[in-house]
Amino acid sequence: MFYKLITACGHMGAGNSFERVWFIKGSNPITVLERAKRLPRVKRKETSLGIKLIKEISEEEYINGINSKSEAVKILLNG
């Protein structure tokens, strides 16, 4: 199963964060939640309050999401 997550991230001070989209494979939403709590920069890891959304998606959406993130990184690195 494939999931799209939106998390509150950043070390921008108390109450300040930005939302980040992650694409994760997992057997069920609970295992995905546990993995999400260990992702870098996710706020409030101990309470799971930094996890804004966990949504099951299709394999095609997962692949498109991963590819779009890769393209964004290439554009940032290459100017």
N, C-alpha and C. Protein backbone atom coordinates (compact mmCIF):
# COMPACT_ATOMS: atom_id res chain seq x y z
N MET A 1 0.84 -1.17 0.00
CA MET A 1 0.00 0.00 0.00
C MET A 1 0.89 1.24 0.00
N PHE A 2 0.37 2.30 -0.57
CA PHE A 2 1.12 3.54 -0.71
C PHE A 2 0.37 4.66 -0.02
N TYR A 3 1.12 5.57 0.61
CA TYR A 3 0.51 6.64 1.38
C TYR A 3 1.16 7.98 1.08
N LYS A 4 0.35 9.02 1.17
CA LYS A 4 0.81 10.40 1.08
C LYS A 4 0.65 11.00 2.47
N LEU A 5 1.70 11.61 2.97
CA LEU A 5 1.67 12.23 4.30
C LEU A 5 1.94 13.71 4.18
N ILE A 6 1.31 14.48 5.03
CA ILE A 6 1.65 15.88 5.19
C ILE A 6 2.04 16.05 6.65
N THR A 7 3.24 16.59 6.88
CA THR A 7 3.75 16.76 8.23
C THR A 7 4.14 18.20 8.49
N ALA A 8 4.11 18.58 9.75
CA ALA A 8 4.63 19.88 10.18
C ALA A 8 6.12 19.68 10.43
N CYS A 9 6.96 20.47 9.77
CA CYS A 9 8.40 20.32 9.85
C CYS A 9 9.07 21.63 10.19
N GLY A 10 10.34 21.52 10.59
CA GLY A 10 11.17 22.69 10.74
C GLY A 10 11.57 22.97 12.16
N HIS A 11 12.68 23.65 12.26
CA HIS A 11 13.17 24.14 13.55
C HIS A 11 13.12 25.66 13.46
N MET A 12 11.90 26.17 13.50
CA MET A 12 11.67 27.59 13.27
C MET A 12 11.13 28.28 14.53
N GLY A 13 11.26 27.61 15.67
CA GLY A 13 10.75 28.18 16.91
C GLY A 13 9.41 27.59 17.28
N ALA A 14 9.00 27.85 18.50
CA ALA A 14 7.75 27.30 19.03
C ALA A 14 6.56 27.80 18.22
N GLY A 15 5.73 26.88 17.78
CA GLY A 15 4.51 27.24 17.05
C GLY A 15 4.72 27.57 15.59
N ASN A 16 5.96 27.57 15.12
CA ASN A 16 6.25 27.90 13.72
C ASN A 16 6.72 26.65 13.00
N SER A 17 6.18 26.41 11.82
CA SER A 17 6.58 25.25 11.03
C SER A 17 6.17 25.45 9.58
N PHE A 18 6.61 24.53 8.74
CA PHE A 18 6.14 24.50 7.37
C PHE A 18 5.64 23.09 7.09
N GLU A 19 4.73 22.95 6.14
CA GLU A 19 4.18 21.64 5.81
C GLU A 19 5.01 21.00 4.71
N ARG A 20 5.28 19.72 4.88
CA ARG A 20 6.05 18.98 3.89
C ARG A 20 5.27 17.73 3.50
N VAL A 21 5.32 17.39 2.22
CA VAL A 21 4.65 16.20 1.70
C VAL A 21 5.67 15.07 1.58
N TRP A 22 5.28 13.89 2.06
CA TRP A 22 6.11 12.69 1.97
C TRP A 22 5.29 11.61 1.26
N PHE A 23 5.96 10.71 0.56
CA PHE A 23 5.33 9.56 -0.07
C PHE A 23 6.00 8.32 0.51
N ILE A 24 5.21 7.45 1.15
CA ILE A 24 5.76 6.31 1.90
C ILE A 24 4.99 5.04 1.56
N LYS A 25 5.73 3.92 1.48
CA LYS A 25 5.11 2.60 1.35
C LYS A 25 4.92 2.05 2.75
N GLY A 26 3.82 1.33 2.95
CA GLY A 26 3.59 0.70 4.24
C GLY A 26 2.46 -0.30 4.17
N SER A 27 2.43 -1.20 5.14
CA SER A 27 1.39 -2.25 5.13
C SER A 27 0.05 -1.74 5.65
N ASN A 28 0.08 -0.73 6.53
CA ASN A 28 -1.16 -0.15 7.05
C ASN A 28 -0.86 1.25 7.60
N PRO A 29 -1.89 2.05 7.89
CA PRO A 29 -1.66 3.42 8.34
C PRO A 29 -0.90 3.53 9.67
N ILE A 30 -1.03 2.54 10.53
CA ILE A 30 -0.34 2.59 11.82
C ILE A 30 1.18 2.46 11.64
N THR A 31 1.61 1.54 10.78
CA THR A 31 3.05 1.41 10.54
C THR A 31 3.60 2.65 9.84
N VAL A 32 2.81 3.24 8.97
CA VAL A 32 3.23 4.47 8.28
C VAL A 32 3.36 5.61 9.31
N LEU A 33 2.42 5.70 10.24
CA LEU A 33 2.48 6.71 11.30
C LEU A 33 3.75 6.55 12.13
N GLU A 34 4.09 5.33 12.49
CA GLU A 34 5.31 5.08 13.27
C GLU A 34 6.56 5.48 12.49
N ARG A 35 6.59 5.17 11.19
CA ARG A 35 7.73 5.59 10.36
C ARG A 35 7.78 7.10 10.24
N ALA A 36 6.62 7.74 10.09
CA ALA A 36 6.57 9.20 9.91
C ALA A 36 7.11 9.93 11.12
N LYS A 37 6.91 9.38 12.30
CA LYS A 37 7.40 10.03 13.51
C LYS A 37 8.92 10.06 13.56
N ARG A 38 9.59 9.19 12.80
CA ARG A 38 11.05 9.14 12.78
C ARG A 38 11.67 9.90 11.60
N LEU A 39 10.84 10.51 10.75
CA LEU A 39 11.36 11.25 9.61
C LEU A 39 12.08 12.51 10.10
N PRO A 40 13.11 12.95 9.37
CA PRO A 40 13.83 14.15 9.79
C PRO A 40 12.96 15.41 9.74
N ARG A 41 13.18 16.29 10.67
CA ARG A 41 12.56 17.62 10.77
C ARG A 41 11.08 17.60 11.17
N VAL A 42 10.47 16.44 11.39
CA VAL A 42 9.06 16.40 11.79
C VAL A 42 8.94 16.90 13.22
N LYS A 43 8.02 17.83 13.45
CA LYS A 43 7.83 18.41 14.78
C LYS A 43 6.95 17.51 15.65
N ARG A 44 7.13 17.62 16.92
CA ARG A 44 6.32 16.93 17.94
C ARG A 44 6.27 15.42 17.70
N LYS A 45 7.44 14.82 17.54
CA LYS A 45 7.53 13.39 17.24
C LYS A 45 6.95 12.52 18.35
N GLU A 46 7.11 12.94 19.58
CA GLU A 46 6.68 12.10 20.70
C GLU A 46 5.16 11.98 20.82
N THR A 47 4.41 12.93 20.26
CA THR A 47 2.95 12.89 20.38
C THR A 47 2.23 12.65 19.05
N SER A 48 2.92 12.63 17.96
CA SER A 48 2.35 12.46 16.61
C SER A 48 1.51 13.66 16.17
N LEU A 49 1.57 14.77 16.88
CA LEU A 49 0.79 15.95 16.49
C LEU A 49 1.35 16.63 15.25
N GLY A 50 2.58 16.31 14.88
CA GLY A 50 3.17 16.87 13.67
C GLY A 50 2.67 16.23 12.39
N ILE A 51 1.94 15.13 12.50
CA ILE A 51 1.39 14.43 11.33
C ILE A 51 0.03 15.02 11.04
N LYS A 52 -0.09 15.73 9.92
CA LYS A 52 -1.33 16.42 9.57
C LYS A 52 -2.29 15.55 8.75
N LEU A 53 -1.74 14.66 7.90
CA LEU A 53 -2.57 13.85 7.01
C LEU A 53 -1.86 12.56 6.66
N ILE A 54 -2.58 11.46 6.69
CA ILE A 54 -2.13 10.18 6.13
C ILE A 54 -3.24 9.72 5.21
N LYS A 55 -2.92 9.63 3.91
CA LYS A 55 -3.94 9.28 2.91
C LYS A 55 -3.41 8.16 2.03
N GLU A 56 -4.22 7.11 1.88
CA GLU A 56 -3.83 6.03 0.99
C GLU A 56 -3.99 6.50 -0.45
N ILE A 57 -2.97 6.20 -1.27
CA ILE A 57 -2.98 6.62 -2.67
C ILE A 57 -2.65 5.41 -3.55
N SER A 58 -2.84 5.58 -4.85
CA SER A 58 -2.53 4.50 -5.79
C SER A 58 -1.03 4.45 -6.05
N GLU A 59 -0.58 3.35 -6.64
CA GLU A 59 0.83 3.22 -6.98
C GLU A 59 1.25 4.28 -7.99
N GLU A 60 0.35 4.60 -8.92
CA GLU A 60 0.64 5.62 -9.93
C GLU A 60 0.85 6.99 -9.28
N GLU A 61 -0.02 7.36 -8.32
CA GLU A 61 0.14 8.63 -7.60
C GLU A 61 1.45 8.65 -6.81
N TYR A 62 1.80 7.50 -6.23
CA TYR A 62 3.04 7.38 -5.47
C TYR A 62 4.25 7.64 -6.37
N ILE A 63 4.27 6.98 -7.52
CA ILE A 63 5.39 7.13 -8.46
C ILE A 63 5.46 8.56 -8.97
N ASN A 64 4.32 9.15 -9.33
CA ASN A 64 4.31 10.54 -9.79
C ASN A 64 4.80 11.49 -8.71
N GLY A 65 4.40 11.25 -7.47
CA GLY A 65 4.84 12.09 -6.36
C GLY A 65 6.33 12.01 -6.12
N ILE A 66 6.87 10.80 -6.15
CA ILE A 66 8.32 10.62 -5.97
C ILE A 66 9.07 11.29 -7.11
N ASN A 67 8.60 11.12 -8.33
CA ASN A 67 9.27 11.73 -9.48
C ASN A 67 9.20 13.24 -9.44
N SER A 68 8.09 13.81 -9.02
CA SER A 68 7.98 15.27 -8.96
C SER A 68 8.91 15.84 -7.90
N LYS A 69 9.10 15.15 -6.79
CA LYS A 69 10.03 15.60 -5.77
C LYS A 69 11.46 15.53 -6.29
N SER A 70 11.79 14.48 -7.06
CA SER A 70 13.13 14.35 -7.63
C SER A 70 13.41 15.47 -8.62
N GLU A 71 12.42 15.80 -9.44
CA GLU A 71 12.59 16.89 -10.41
C GLU A 71 12.78 18.22 -9.70
N ALA A 72 12.06 18.46 -8.63
CA ALA A 72 12.19 19.72 -7.89
C ALA A 72 13.60 19.84 -7.30
N VAL A 73 14.15 18.75 -6.80
CA VAL A 73 15.50 18.77 -6.24
C VAL A 73 16.53 19.04 -7.34
N LYS A 74 16.35 18.41 -8.51
CA LYS A 74 17.28 18.64 -9.63
C LYS A 74 17.26 20.11 -10.06
N ILE A 75 16.08 20.70 -10.10
CA ILE A 75 15.97 22.11 -10.50
C ILE A 75 16.67 23.00 -9.48
N LEU A 76 16.46 22.72 -8.19
CA LEU A 76 17.11 23.52 -7.15
C LEU A 76 18.63 23.39 -7.21
N LEU A 77 19.13 22.19 -7.44
CA LEU A 77 20.57 21.98 -7.45
C LEU A 77 21.24 22.53 -8.70
N ASN A 78 20.55 22.47 -9.83
CA ASN A 78 21.15 22.90 -11.09
C ASN A 78 20.82 24.34 -11.44
N GLY A 79 19.97 24.97 -10.66
CA GLY A 79 19.64 26.36 -10.91
C GLY A 79 18.70 26.48 -12.01
